[in-house]
Amino acid sequence: MKYLSAENMVKLVNRIGIETLMTELAEYIKEDYQNWDNFDKSPRYAHHSDVGVIELMPTGNRELFSFKYVNGHPGNFNKGLQTVVAFGVLSDVETGYPLLLSEMTIGTALRTAAISALTAKYLANNNVKTMGMIGAGCQAEFQAYAFRALTGIDTLRVYDIDYKVSEKFQRNMADSGFDITVCKTGQDAVQGADIITTCTADKQYATVLTDNMVGQGMHINAIGGDCPGKTELHQDILKRGSVFVEFEPQSRIEGEIQHMPEDFAVTEMHHIFKGEKQGRQNEREITIFDSVGFALQDFSLLRYVYDKVREFDIYEDLDIIGELDDPRNLFGLLKN
């Protein structure tokens, strides 16, 4: 089995180039969404506690199976720990043997940014240039590069409740070529924006984006409301716009629409990627991607990584399955 450590994931991203990677990964995601009916799908298993959540996210088709282990603990940074850590496995369905064990902390950030920007490519107006970002934490830089690669965004207006986080973002993006303005309020951050990305970490019913902050024609990339009891958008915004989701049964539990009636209309993105339904109807429409993260995106990331680690020979071999002369004699391993 091939093993991709965090160190080698960094090498792989730098070898490919982050914007090239985002573009290629988006194609893998789109291809898998276009084959939506061939996948097993279910809401992720989630173990909730007062301080966070631990989740398992499985899916598969007739050839490959994958799962991801991931947590979300907003208070971890107070302990000097990351709020999200993850790993994933890709397996061969025919034999049941694992093919790849990969870090997925960086991987989750990559696939989240890729699906965000891919969706915006289909839902946002043409010729978008400015993105307002509310929340400048671990996901922000990935989002910025993905949106430039797939939509052409070149101007960022950024706000975070913690100014040190905004300064971190500025340092990381200093040589990126973006026109960046650090704003004092969320209201300021969305001024003149074509796209708004909300990505905050607190596990609570929050309203980081109010109805008066959203103008006609905007596309909203809402990625921070991703578990029960955690939202970012005022309900009036959802009522004004057209809402798109990854997998409706999961989004009803975890997304911005968890507050809405069961008959509140949403559209799953696979219909858009397959050309079965139209995304944006006109230039004045407000479109909202209510993203909570879905296992199919992890499948796509692991499939992409598996192809790339073999192409660039960036991996380690990991032996977690004992080799038997007689496959029926497992106990024989203990006799060697």
C-alpha atoms as a PDB file:
ATOM      1  CA  MET A   1       0.000   0.000   0.000  1.00  0.00           C
ATOM      2  CA  LYS A   2       1.176   3.511  -0.800  1.00  0.00           C
ATOM      3  CA  TYR A   3       1.417   6.005   2.045  1.00  0.00           C
ATOM      4  CA  LEU A   4       1.384   9.788   1.615  1.00  0.00           C
ATOM      5  CA  SER A   5       2.547  11.618   4.726  1.00  0.00           C
ATOM      6  CA  ALA A   6       1.894  15.286   5.453  1.00  0.00           C
ATOM      7  CA  GLU A   7       5.490  16.035   4.452  1.00  0.00           C
ATOM      8  CA  ASN A   8       5.074  14.298   1.118  1.00  0.00           C
ATOM      9  CA  MET A   9       1.680  15.926   0.536  1.00  0.00           C
ATOM     10  CA  VAL A  10       3.438  19.282   0.802  1.00  0.00           C
ATOM     11  CA  LYS A  11       6.061  18.091  -1.699  1.00  0.00           C
ATOM     12  CA  LEU A  12       3.338  16.919  -4.063  1.00  0.00           C
ATOM     13  CA  VAL A  13       1.412  20.210  -3.926  1.00  0.00           C
ATOM     14  CA  ASN A  14       4.580  22.213  -4.517  1.00  0.00           C
ATOM     15  CA  ARG A  15       5.653  19.915  -7.345  1.00  0.00           C
ATOM     16  CA  ILE A  16       2.344  20.317  -9.175  1.00  0.00           C
ATOM     17  CA  GLY A  17       1.687  23.968  -8.224  1.00  0.00           C
ATOM     18  CA  ILE A  18      -1.353  24.863  -6.183  1.00  0.00           C
ATOM     19  CA  GLU A  19      -3.415  26.494  -8.937  1.00  0.00           C
ATOM     20  CA  THR A  20      -2.655  23.716 -11.422  1.00  0.00           C
ATOM     21  CA  LEU A  21      -3.610  21.215  -8.726  1.00  0.00           C
ATOM     22  CA  MET A  22      -6.893  23.023  -8.039  1.00  0.00           C
ATOM     23  CA  THR A  23      -7.775  22.991 -11.734  1.00  0.00           C
ATOM     24  CA  GLU A  24      -6.932  19.303 -12.154  1.00  0.00           C
ATOM     25  CA  LEU A  25      -8.646  18.276  -8.933  1.00  0.00           C
ATOM     26  CA  ALA A  26     -11.801  20.154  -9.937  1.00  0.00           C
ATOM     27  CA  GLU A  27     -11.941  18.033 -13.090  1.00  0.00           C
ATOM     28  CA  TYR A  28     -11.741  14.845 -11.009  1.00  0.00           C
ATOM     29  CA  ILE A  29     -14.541  16.129  -8.778  1.00  0.00           C
ATOM     30  CA  LYS A  30     -16.712  17.064 -11.736  1.00  0.00           C
ATOM     31  CA  GLU A  31     -16.154  13.675 -13.354  1.00  0.00           C
ATOM     32  CA  ASP A  32     -17.180  11.850 -10.188  1.00  0.00           C
ATOM     33  CA  TYR A  33     -20.256  14.055  -9.715  1.00  0.00           C
ATOM     34  CA  GLN A  34     -21.243  13.348 -13.304  1.00  0.00           C
ATOM     35  CA  ASN A  35     -21.206   9.654 -12.338  1.00  0.00           C
ATOM     36  CA  TRP A  36     -23.293  10.393  -9.238  1.00  0.00           C
ATOM     37  CA  ASP A  37     -25.688   7.480  -9.708  1.00  0.00           C
ATOM     38  CA  ASN A  38     -22.841   4.946  -9.598  1.00  0.00           C
ATOM     39  CA  PHE A  39     -21.828   5.826  -6.020  1.00  0.00           C
ATOM     40  CA  ASP A  40     -23.060   4.638  -2.645  1.00  0.00           C
ATOM     41  CA  LYS A  41     -24.202   7.728  -0.760  1.00  0.00           C
ATOM     42  CA  SER A  42     -25.184   8.397   2.838  1.00  0.00           C
ATOM     43  CA  PRO A  43     -24.844  11.214   5.367  1.00  0.00           C
ATOM     44  CA  ARG A  44     -21.554  10.884   7.222  1.00  0.00           C
ATOM     45  CA  TYR A  45     -21.355   9.202  10.588  1.00  0.00           C
ATOM     46  CA  ALA A  46     -20.746  11.867  13.235  1.00  0.00           C
ATOM     47  CA  HIS A  47     -19.806  11.508  16.898  1.00  0.00           C
ATOM     48  CA  HIS A  48     -20.651  14.815  18.582  1.00  0.00           C
ATOM     49  CA  SER A  49     -19.436  16.135  21.913  1.00  0.00           C
ATOM     50  CA  ASP A  50     -19.622  19.471  23.688  1.00  0.00           C
ATOM     51  CA  VAL A  51     -16.236  20.470  22.257  1.00  0.00           C
ATOM     52  CA  GLY A  52     -16.413  19.181  18.700  1.00  0.00           C
ATOM     53  CA  VAL A  53     -17.164  16.332  16.335  1.00  0.00           C
ATOM     54  CA  ILE A  54     -15.391  13.254  14.946  1.00  0.00           C
ATOM     55  CA  GLU A  55     -16.677  11.970  11.612  1.00  0.00           C
ATOM     56  CA  LEU A  56     -16.291   9.089   9.182  1.00  0.00           C
ATOM     57  CA  MET A  57     -17.085   9.831   5.529  1.00  0.00           C
ATOM     58  CA  PRO A  58     -17.374   6.746   3.259  1.00  0.00           C
ATOM     59  CA  THR A  59     -18.381   6.268  -0.351  1.00  0.00           C
ATOM     60  CA  GLY A  60     -17.545   4.012  -3.277  1.00  0.00           C
ATOM     61  CA  ASN A  61     -18.432   2.753  -6.730  1.00  0.00           C
ATOM     62  CA  ARG A  62     -17.873  -0.619  -8.420  1.00  0.00           C
ATOM     63  CA  GLU A  63     -14.110  -0.076  -8.712  1.00  0.00           C
ATOM     64  CA  LEU A  64     -12.952   1.952  -5.705  1.00  0.00           C
ATOM     65  CA  PHE A  65     -13.985   2.599  -2.113  1.00  0.00           C
ATOM     66  CA  SER A  66     -12.818   5.421   0.154  1.00  0.00           C
ATOM     67  CA  PHE A  67     -13.339   6.795   3.607  1.00  0.00           C
ATOM     68  CA  LYS A  68     -12.036   9.761   5.554  1.00  0.00           C
ATOM     69  CA  TYR A  69     -11.601  10.214   9.276  1.00  0.00           C
ATOM     70  CA  VAL A  70     -11.894  13.888  10.232  1.00  0.00           C
ATOM     71  CA  ASN A  71     -12.551  15.964  13.321  1.00  0.00           C
ATOM     72  CA  GLY A  72     -13.733  19.499  13.960  1.00  0.00           C
ATOM     73  CA  HIS A  73     -12.765  20.990  17.327  1.00  0.00           C
ATOM     74  CA  PRO A  74     -12.977  24.813  17.230  1.00  0.00           C
ATOM     75  CA  GLY A  75     -11.308  25.226  20.626  1.00  0.00           C
ATOM     76  CA  ASN A  76      -8.213  23.226  19.748  1.00  0.00           C
ATOM     77  CA  PHE A  77      -6.210  26.302  18.791  1.00  0.00           C
ATOM     78  CA  ASN A  78      -6.300  27.363  22.463  1.00  0.00           C
ATOM     79  CA  LYS A  79      -4.320  24.180  23.185  1.00  0.00           C
ATOM     80  CA  GLY A  80      -1.892  24.750  20.332  1.00  0.00           C
ATOM     81  CA  LEU A  81      -3.644  22.110  18.240  1.00  0.00           C
ATOM     82  CA  GLN A  82      -5.248  22.238  14.797  1.00  0.00           C
ATOM     83  CA  THR A  83      -9.024  22.482  14.710  1.00  0.00           C
ATOM     84  CA  VAL A  84      -9.247  19.938  11.874  1.00  0.00           C
ATOM     85  CA  VAL A  85      -7.094  16.846  11.274  1.00  0.00           C
ATOM     86  CA  ALA A  86      -7.846  14.031   8.873  1.00  0.00           C
ATOM     87  CA  PHE A  87      -6.601  10.968   7.054  1.00  0.00           C
ATOM     88  CA  GLY A  88      -8.126   8.904   4.266  1.00  0.00           C
ATOM     89  CA  VAL A  89      -7.963   5.472   2.638  1.00  0.00           C
ATOM     90  CA  LEU A  90      -8.592   4.443  -0.977  1.00  0.00           C
ATOM     91  CA  SER A  91      -9.228   0.736  -1.611  1.00  0.00           C
ATOM     92  CA  ASP A  92      -9.695  -1.656  -4.502  1.00  0.00           C
ATOM     93  CA  VAL A  93     -13.256  -3.026  -4.514  1.00  0.00           C
ATOM     94  CA  GLU A  94     -12.362  -6.237  -6.374  1.00  0.00           C
ATOM     95  CA  THR A  95      -9.896  -7.450  -3.718  1.00  0.00           C
ATOM     96  CA  GLY A  96     -10.763  -5.241  -0.735  1.00  0.00           C
ATOM     97  CA  TYR A  97      -7.076  -4.363  -0.439  1.00  0.00           C
ATOM     98  CA  PRO A  98      -6.161  -0.770   0.479  1.00  0.00           C
ATOM     99  CA  LEU A  99      -4.248   1.079  -2.236  1.00  0.00           C
ATOM    100  CA  LEU A 100      -3.461   4.354  -0.494  1.00  0.00           C
ATOM    101  CA  LEU A 101      -3.317   5.774   3.012  1.00  0.00           C
ATOM    102  CA  SER A 102      -3.034   9.538   2.846  1.00  0.00           C
ATOM    103  CA  GLU A 103      -2.956  12.544   5.114  1.00  0.00           C
ATOM    104  CA  MET A 104      -6.157  14.491   4.550  1.00  0.00           C
ATOM    105  CA  THR A 105      -5.732  17.589   6.694  1.00  0.00           C
ATOM    106  CA  ILE A 106      -4.172  19.453   3.780  1.00  0.00           C
ATOM    107  CA  GLY A 107      -6.234  17.259   1.464  1.00  0.00           C
ATOM    108  CA  THR A 108      -9.517  18.399   2.994  1.00  0.00           C
ATOM    109  CA  ALA A 109      -8.547  22.034   2.520  1.00  0.00           C
ATOM    110  CA  LEU A 110      -7.640  21.331  -1.100  1.00  0.00           C
ATOM    111  CA  ARG A 111     -10.848  19.525  -1.990  1.00  0.00           C
ATOM    112  CA  THR A 112     -13.029  22.031  -0.123  1.00  0.00           C
ATOM    113  CA  ALA A 113     -11.492  24.892  -2.069  1.00  0.00           C
ATOM    114  CA  ALA A 114     -11.731  22.988  -5.345  1.00  0.00           C
ATOM    115  CA  ILE A 115     -15.455  22.191  -4.998  1.00  0.00           C
ATOM    116  CA  SER A 116     -16.138  25.780  -3.864  1.00  0.00           C
ATOM    117  CA  ALA A 117     -14.483  27.292  -6.912  1.00  0.00           C
ATOM    118  CA  LEU A 118     -15.867  24.676  -9.306  1.00  0.00           C
ATOM    119  CA  THR A 119     -19.383  25.407  -8.074  1.00  0.00           C
ATOM    120  CA  ALA A 120     -18.824  29.154  -8.411  1.00  0.00           C
ATOM    121  CA  LYS A 121     -17.680  28.604 -11.985  1.00  0.00           C
ATOM    122  CA  TYR A 122     -21.175  27.283 -12.709  1.00  0.00           C
ATOM    123  CA  LEU A 123     -23.228  29.559 -10.431  1.00  0.00           C
ATOM    124  CA  ALA A 124     -21.512  32.957 -10.284  1.00  0.00           C
ATOM    125  CA  ASN A 125     -21.859  35.647 -12.905  1.00  0.00           C
ATOM    126  CA  ASN A 126     -19.260  35.859 -15.667  1.00  0.00           C
ATOM    127  CA  ASN A 127     -16.179  38.070 -15.336  1.00  0.00           C
ATOM    128  CA  VAL A 128     -16.088  38.055 -11.532  1.00  0.00           C
ATOM    129  CA  LYS A 129     -13.073  39.837 -10.031  1.00  0.00           C
ATOM    130  CA  THR A 130     -13.655  40.536  -6.324  1.00  0.00           C
ATOM    131  CA  MET A 131     -14.287  38.121  -3.478  1.00  0.00           C
ATOM    132  CA  GLY A 132     -15.237  39.175   0.037  1.00  0.00           C
ATOM    133  CA  MET A 133     -14.005  36.718   2.652  1.00  0.00           C
ATOM    134  CA  ILE A 134     -15.448  36.555   6.168  1.00  0.00           C
ATOM    135  CA  GLY A 135     -13.109  34.288   8.084  1.00  0.00           C
ATOM    136  CA  ALA A 136      -9.387  34.145   7.289  1.00  0.00           C
ATOM    137  CA  GLY A 137      -8.438  30.920   9.054  1.00  0.00           C
ATOM    138  CA  CYS A 138      -6.906  27.717   7.728  1.00  0.00           C
ATOM    139  CA  GLN A 139      -9.154  27.469   4.665  1.00  0.00           C
ATOM    140  CA  ALA A 140      -8.802  31.045   3.392  1.00  0.00           C
ATOM    141  CA  GLU A 141      -5.600  30.837   1.342  1.00  0.00           C
ATOM    142  CA  PHE A 142      -6.724  27.635  -0.361  1.00  0.00           C
ATOM    143  CA  GLN A 143     -10.030  29.270  -1.296  1.00  0.00           C
ATOM    144  CA  ALA A 144      -8.273  32.296  -2.766  1.00  0.00           C
ATOM    145  CA  TYR A 145      -5.986  30.263  -5.037  1.00  0.00           C
ATOM    146  CA  ALA A 146      -8.795  27.957  -6.145  1.00  0.00           C
ATOM    147  CA  PHE A 147     -11.081  30.848  -7.050  1.00  0.00           C
ATOM    148  CA  ARG A 148      -8.389  32.570  -9.065  1.00  0.00           C
ATOM    149  CA  ALA A 149      -7.565  29.344 -10.913  1.00  0.00           C
ATOM    150  CA  LEU A 150     -11.174  28.524 -11.790  1.00  0.00           C
ATOM    151  CA  THR A 151     -13.038  31.858 -11.889  1.00  0.00           C
ATOM    152  CA  GLY A 152     -10.430  34.594 -12.384  1.00  0.00           C
ATOM    153  CA  ILE A 153     -10.845  36.328  -8.993  1.00  0.00           C
ATOM    154  CA  ASP A 154      -7.920  38.709  -8.435  1.00  0.00           C
ATOM    155  CA  THR A 155      -9.126  41.040  -5.647  1.00  0.00           C
ATOM    156  CA  LEU A 156      -9.763  39.956  -2.047  1.00  0.00           C
ATOM    157  CA  ARG A 157     -11.489  41.860   0.738  1.00  0.00           C
ATOM    158  CA  VAL A 158     -10.863  39.975   3.981  1.00  0.00           C
ATOM    159  CA  TYR A 159     -12.280  40.213   7.494  1.00  0.00           C
ATOM    160  CA  ASP A 160     -11.675  38.061  10.545  1.00  0.00           C
ATOM    161  CA  ILE A 161     -12.818  38.719  14.089  1.00  0.00           C
ATOM    162  CA  ASP A 162      -9.208  38.059  15.164  1.00  0.00           C
ATOM    163  CA  TYR A 163      -6.944  40.597  13.453  1.00  0.00           C
ATOM    164  CA  LYS A 164      -3.916  38.339  13.993  1.00  0.00           C
ATOM    165  CA  VAL A 165      -5.552  35.791  11.702  1.00  0.00           C
ATOM    166  CA  SER A 166      -5.972  38.457   9.012  1.00  0.00           C
ATOM    167  CA  GLU A 167      -2.281  39.340   9.417  1.00  0.00           C
ATOM    168  CA  LYS A 168      -1.418  35.657   8.987  1.00  0.00           C
ATOM    169  CA  PHE A 169      -3.401  35.638   5.751  1.00  0.00           C
ATOM    170  CA  GLN A 170      -1.579  38.724   4.498  1.00  0.00           C
ATOM    171  CA  ARG A 171       1.828  37.172   5.236  1.00  0.00           C
ATOM    172  CA  ASN A 172       0.983  33.942   3.453  1.00  0.00           C
ATOM    173  CA  MET A 173      -0.395  35.791   0.421  1.00  0.00           C
ATOM    174  CA  ALA A 174       2.269  38.514   0.237  1.00  0.00           C
ATOM    175  CA  ASP A 175       3.758  37.228  -3.033  1.00  0.00           C
ATOM    176  CA  SER A 176       0.534  35.853  -4.486  1.00  0.00           C
ATOM    177  CA  GLY A 177      -0.275  38.723  -6.841  1.00  0.00           C
ATOM    178  CA  PHE A 178      -3.729  39.323  -5.359  1.00  0.00           C
ATOM    179  CA  ASP A 179      -4.965  42.816  -4.550  1.00  0.00           C
ATOM    180  CA  ILE A 180      -5.783  42.333  -0.850  1.00  0.00           C
ATOM    181  CA  THR A 181      -7.627  44.658   1.524  1.00  0.00           C
ATOM    182  CA  VAL A 182      -7.927  43.725   5.197  1.00  0.00           C
ATOM    183  CA  CYS A 183     -11.252  45.063   6.444  1.00  0.00           C
ATOM    184  CA  LYS A 184     -12.449  46.093   9.895  1.00  0.00           C
ATOM    185  CA  THR A 185     -15.941  44.613   9.569  1.00  0.00           C
ATOM    186  CA  GLY A 186     -17.759  41.946   7.623  1.00  0.00           C
ATOM    187  CA  GLN A 187     -19.931  44.662   6.112  1.00  0.00           C
ATOM    188  CA  ASP A 188     -16.819  46.344   4.751  1.00  0.00           C
ATOM    189  CA  ALA A 189     -15.467  43.060   3.389  1.00  0.00           C
ATOM    190  CA  VAL A 190     -18.475  42.428   1.134  1.00  0.00           C
ATOM    191  CA  GLN A 191     -18.584  45.927  -0.371  1.00  0.00           C
ATOM    192  CA  GLY A 192     -18.215  45.620  -4.150  1.00  0.00           C
ATOM    193  CA  ALA A 193     -17.810  41.834  -3.980  1.00  0.00           C
ATOM    194  CA  ASP A 194     -18.993  39.552  -6.776  1.00  0.00           C
ATOM    195  CA  ILE A 195     -18.572  36.490  -4.557  1.00  0.00           C
ATOM    196  CA  ILE A 196     -18.762  36.179  -0.765  1.00  0.00           C
ATOM    197  CA  THR A 197     -17.075  33.302   1.054  1.00  0.00           C
ATOM    198  CA  THR A 198     -18.030  32.696   4.677  1.00  0.00           C
ATOM    199  CA  CYS A 199     -15.782  30.365   6.653  1.00  0.00           C
ATOM    200  CA  THR A 200     -15.889  30.786  10.416  1.00  0.00           C
ATOM    201  CA  ALA A 201     -15.052  28.179  13.033  1.00  0.00           C
ATOM    202  CA  ASP A 202     -17.277  28.641  16.092  1.00  0.00           C
ATOM    203  CA  LYS A 203     -19.775  25.832  16.656  1.00  0.00           C
ATOM    204  CA  GLN A 204     -22.878  27.953  17.146  1.00  0.00           C
ATOM    205  CA  TYR A 205     -25.891  29.390  15.380  1.00  0.00           C
ATOM    206  CA  ALA A 206     -24.202  32.548  14.117  1.00  0.00           C
ATOM    207  CA  THR A 207     -25.146  35.256  11.650  1.00  0.00           C
ATOM    208  CA  VAL A 208     -21.941  36.440  10.062  1.00  0.00           C
ATOM    209  CA  LEU A 209     -23.801  37.449   6.905  1.00  0.00           C
ATOM    210  CA  THR A 210     -27.021  39.436   7.208  1.00  0.00           C
ATOM    211  CA  ASP A 211     -29.610  40.122   4.550  1.00  0.00           C
ATOM    212  CA  ASN A 212     -28.624  43.756   4.078  1.00  0.00           C
ATOM    213  CA  MET A 213     -25.036  42.725   3.249  1.00  0.00           C
ATOM    214  CA  VAL A 214     -26.086  40.767   0.154  1.00  0.00           C
ATOM    215  CA  GLY A 215     -26.729  42.561  -3.106  1.00  0.00           C
ATOM    216  CA  GLN A 216     -28.354  41.362  -6.291  1.00  0.00           C
ATOM    217  CA  GLY A 217     -26.239  39.131  -8.504  1.00  0.00           C
ATOM    218  CA  MET A 218     -23.908  37.955  -5.737  1.00  0.00           C
ATOM    219  CA  HIS A 219     -22.780  34.368  -5.354  1.00  0.00           C
ATOM    220  CA  ILE A 220     -22.361  33.165  -1.764  1.00  0.00           C
ATOM    221  CA  ASN A 221     -19.941  30.356  -0.973  1.00  0.00           C
ATOM    222  CA  ALA A 222     -21.098  29.335   2.519  1.00  0.00           C
ATOM    223  CA  ILE A 223     -18.648  26.740   3.820  1.00  0.00           C
ATOM    224  CA  GLY A 224     -18.530  27.389   7.589  1.00  0.00           C
ATOM    225  CA  GLY A 225     -21.956  26.052   8.575  1.00  0.00           C
ATOM    226  CA  ASP A 226     -21.041  22.380   8.429  1.00  0.00           C
ATOM    227  CA  CYS A 227     -22.588  20.560  11.392  1.00  0.00           C
ATOM    228  CA  PRO A 228     -25.797  20.561  13.435  1.00  0.00           C
ATOM    229  CA  GLY A 229     -26.022  23.702  15.535  1.00  0.00           C
ATOM    230  CA  LYS A 230     -23.618  25.676  13.340  1.00  0.00           C
ATOM    231  CA  THR A 231     -24.704  28.234  10.743  1.00  0.00           C
ATOM    232  CA  GLU A 232     -23.495  31.546   9.291  1.00  0.00           C
ATOM    233  CA  LEU A 233     -26.264  33.031   7.123  1.00  0.00           C
ATOM    234  CA  HIS A 234     -29.441  34.823   8.100  1.00  0.00           C
ATOM    235  CA  GLN A 235     -32.462  32.843   6.934  1.00  0.00           C
ATOM    236  CA  ASP A 236     -33.762  35.762   4.862  1.00  0.00           C
ATOM    237  CA  ILE A 237     -30.757  35.372   2.540  1.00  0.00           C
ATOM    238  CA  LEU A 238     -31.756  31.777   1.839  1.00  0.00           C
ATOM    239  CA  LYS A 239     -35.301  32.882   1.060  1.00  0.00           C
ATOM    240  CA  ARG A 240     -34.065  35.514  -1.416  1.00  0.00           C
ATOM    241  CA  GLY A 241     -31.656  33.290  -3.316  1.00  0.00           C
ATOM    242  CA  SER A 242     -31.375  29.951  -5.089  1.00  0.00           C
ATOM    243  CA  VAL A 243     -29.716  27.359  -2.854  1.00  0.00           C
ATOM    244  CA  PHE A 244     -27.445  24.581  -4.102  1.00  0.00           C
ATOM    245  CA  VAL A 245     -26.121  21.700  -2.000  1.00  0.00           C
ATOM    246  CA  GLU A 246     -23.883  18.649  -2.302  1.00  0.00           C
ATOM    247  CA  PHE A 247     -26.102  15.861  -0.887  1.00  0.00           C
ATOM    248  CA  GLU A 248     -29.496  17.035   0.323  1.00  0.00           C
ATOM    249  CA  PRO A 249     -30.075  14.472   3.133  1.00  0.00           C
ATOM    250  CA  GLN A 250     -26.786  15.507   4.751  1.00  0.00           C
ATOM    251  CA  SER A 251     -27.281  19.230   4.138  1.00  0.00           C
ATOM    252  CA  ARG A 252     -30.697  19.126   5.828  1.00  0.00           C
ATOM    253  CA  ILE A 253     -28.910  17.975   8.997  1.00  0.00           C
ATOM    254  CA  GLU A 254     -25.757  20.076   8.878  1.00  0.00           C
ATOM    255  CA  GLY A 255     -26.047  22.952   6.434  1.00  0.00           C
ATOM    256  CA  GLU A 256     -27.471  26.436   6.438  1.00  0.00           C
ATOM    257  CA  ILE A 257     -30.801  24.876   5.451  1.00  0.00           C
ATOM    258  CA  GLN A 258     -31.064  22.968   8.766  1.00  0.00           C
ATOM    259  CA  HIS A 259     -33.338  25.817   9.940  1.00  0.00           C
ATOM    260  CA  MET A 260     -35.555  25.751   6.861  1.00  0.00           C
ATOM    261  CA  PRO A 261     -38.794  23.783   6.334  1.00  0.00           C
ATOM    262  CA  GLU A 262     -38.481  20.309   4.850  1.00  0.00           C
ATOM    263  CA  ASP A 263     -40.120  21.474   1.634  1.00  0.00           C
ATOM    264  CA  PHE A 264     -37.656  24.369   1.166  1.00  0.00           C
ATOM    265  CA  ALA A 265     -36.366  23.923  -2.380  1.00  0.00           C
ATOM    266  CA  VAL A 266     -32.684  23.178  -3.028  1.00  0.00           C
ATOM    267  CA  THR A 267     -30.751  21.751  -5.977  1.00  0.00           C
ATOM    268  CA  GLU A 268     -28.008  19.140  -5.699  1.00  0.00           C
ATOM    269  CA  MET A 269     -24.921  20.166  -7.663  1.00  0.00           C
ATOM    270  CA  HIS A 270     -24.602  16.903  -9.581  1.00  0.00           C
ATOM    271  CA  HIS A 271     -27.646  17.994 -11.623  1.00  0.00           C
ATOM    272  CA  ILE A 272     -25.755  21.143 -12.637  1.00  0.00           C
ATOM    273  CA  PHE A 273     -22.496  19.348 -13.478  1.00  0.00           C
ATOM    274  CA  LYS A 274     -24.419  16.807 -15.578  1.00  0.00           C
ATOM    275  CA  GLY A 275     -26.308  19.549 -17.415  1.00  0.00           C
ATOM    276  CA  GLU A 276     -29.677  18.263 -16.202  1.00  0.00           C
ATOM    277  CA  LYS A 277     -30.598  21.566 -14.574  1.00  0.00           C
ATOM    278  CA  GLN A 278     -29.549  25.155 -15.045  1.00  0.00           C
ATOM    279  CA  GLY A 279     -27.566  26.965 -12.373  1.00  0.00           C
ATOM    280  CA  ARG A 280     -27.812  30.738 -12.425  1.00  0.00           C
ATOM    281  CA  GLN A 281     -30.951  31.971 -14.183  1.00  0.00           C
ATOM    282  CA  ASN A 282     -29.969  35.620 -14.699  1.00  0.00           C
ATOM    283  CA  GLU A 283     -27.381  38.238 -13.692  1.00  0.00           C
ATOM    284  CA  ARG A 284     -29.488  39.630 -10.828  1.00  0.00           C
ATOM    285  CA  GLU A 285     -30.132  36.293  -9.127  1.00  0.00           C
ATOM    286  CA  ILE A 286     -28.483  35.520  -5.776  1.00  0.00           C
ATOM    287  CA  THR A 287     -26.956  32.031  -5.776  1.00  0.00           C
ATOM    288  CA  ILE A 288     -25.913  30.244  -2.586  1.00  0.00           C
ATOM    289  CA  PHE A 289     -23.694  27.176  -2.294  1.00  0.00           C
ATOM    290  CA  ASP A 290     -24.595  25.683   1.091  1.00  0.00           C
ATOM    291  CA  SER A 291     -21.508  23.500   1.414  1.00  0.00           C
ATOM    292  CA  VAL A 292     -20.957  21.065   4.285  1.00  0.00           C
ATOM    293  CA  GLY A 293     -18.407  18.783   2.635  1.00  0.00           C
ATOM    294  CA  PHE A 294     -19.340  15.398   1.196  1.00  0.00           C
ATOM    295  CA  ALA A 295     -17.554  12.045   0.963  1.00  0.00           C
ATOM    296  CA  LEU A 296     -17.524  12.073  -2.832  1.00  0.00           C
ATOM    297  CA  GLN A 297     -15.136  15.037  -2.775  1.00  0.00           C
ATOM    298  CA  ASP A 298     -12.746  13.041  -0.568  1.00  0.00           C
ATOM    299  CA  PHE A 299     -13.045  10.116  -2.985  1.00  0.00           C
ATOM    300  CA  SER A 300     -12.057  12.455  -5.821  1.00  0.00           C
ATOM    301  CA  LEU A 301      -9.114  13.857  -3.861  1.00  0.00           C
ATOM    302  CA  LEU A 302      -7.823  10.381  -2.972  1.00  0.00           C
ATOM    303  CA  ARG A 303      -8.248   9.188  -6.555  1.00  0.00           C
ATOM    304  CA  TYR A 304      -6.369  12.242  -7.816  1.00  0.00           C
ATOM    305  CA  VAL A 305      -3.605  11.857  -5.229  1.00  0.00           C
ATOM    306  CA  TYR A 306      -3.230   8.146  -6.008  1.00  0.00           C
ATOM    307  CA  ASP A 307      -2.649   8.979  -9.665  1.00  0.00           C
ATOM    308  CA  LYS A 308      -0.217  11.793  -8.859  1.00  0.00           C
ATOM    309  CA  VAL A 309       1.939  10.015  -6.268  1.00  0.00           C
ATOM    310  CA  ARG A 310       2.620   7.287  -8.817  1.00  0.00           C
ATOM    311  CA  GLU A 311       3.300   9.817 -11.556  1.00  0.00           C
ATOM    312  CA  PHE A 312       5.816  11.764  -9.470  1.00  0.00           C
ATOM    313  CA  ASP A 313       7.028   8.869  -7.303  1.00  0.00           C
ATOM    314  CA  ILE A 314       6.278  10.816  -4.106  1.00  0.00           C
ATOM    315  CA  TYR A 315       5.144   8.256  -1.538  1.00  0.00           C
ATOM    316  CA  GLU A 316       6.321   5.607   0.883  1.00  0.00           C
ATOM    317  CA  ASP A 317       5.461   1.927   0.848  1.00  0.00           C
ATOM    318  CA  LEU A 318       3.547   0.808   3.918  1.00  0.00           C
ATOM    319  CA  ASP A 319       3.156  -2.866   4.775  1.00  0.00           C
ATOM    320  CA  ILE A 320       0.074  -3.371   6.931  1.00  0.00           C
ATOM    321  CA  ILE A 321      -0.958  -6.687   5.371  1.00  0.00           C
ATOM    322  CA  GLY A 322       1.205  -9.703   6.116  1.00  0.00           C
ATOM    323  CA  GLU A 323       2.294 -11.679   3.050  1.00  0.00           C
ATOM    324  CA  LEU A 324       1.339 -15.356   3.369  1.00  0.00           C
ATOM    325  CA  ASP A 325       2.745 -18.289   1.426  1.00  0.00           C
ATOM    326  CA  ASP A 326      -0.634 -19.935   2.066  1.00  0.00           C
ATOM    327  CA  PRO A 327      -3.414 -17.302   2.241  1.00  0.00           C
ATOM    328  CA  ARG A 328      -5.417 -19.670   4.464  1.00  0.00           C
ATOM    329  CA  ASN A 329      -2.642 -19.883   7.073  1.00  0.00           C
ATOM    330  CA  LEU A 330      -2.800 -16.535   8.913  1.00  0.00           C
ATOM    331  CA  PHE A 331      -1.585 -18.104  12.165  1.00  0.00           C
ATOM    332  CA  GLY A 332       1.560 -19.149  10.331  1.00  0.00           C
ATOM    333  CA  LEU A 333       2.779 -15.551  10.501  1.00  0.00           C
ATOM    334  CA  LEU A 334       3.124 -15.975  14.249  1.00  0.00           C
ATOM    335  CA  LYS A 335       5.326 -19.033  13.759  1.00  0.00           C
ATOM    336  CA  ASN A 336       7.941 -17.209  11.639  1.00  0.00           C
END
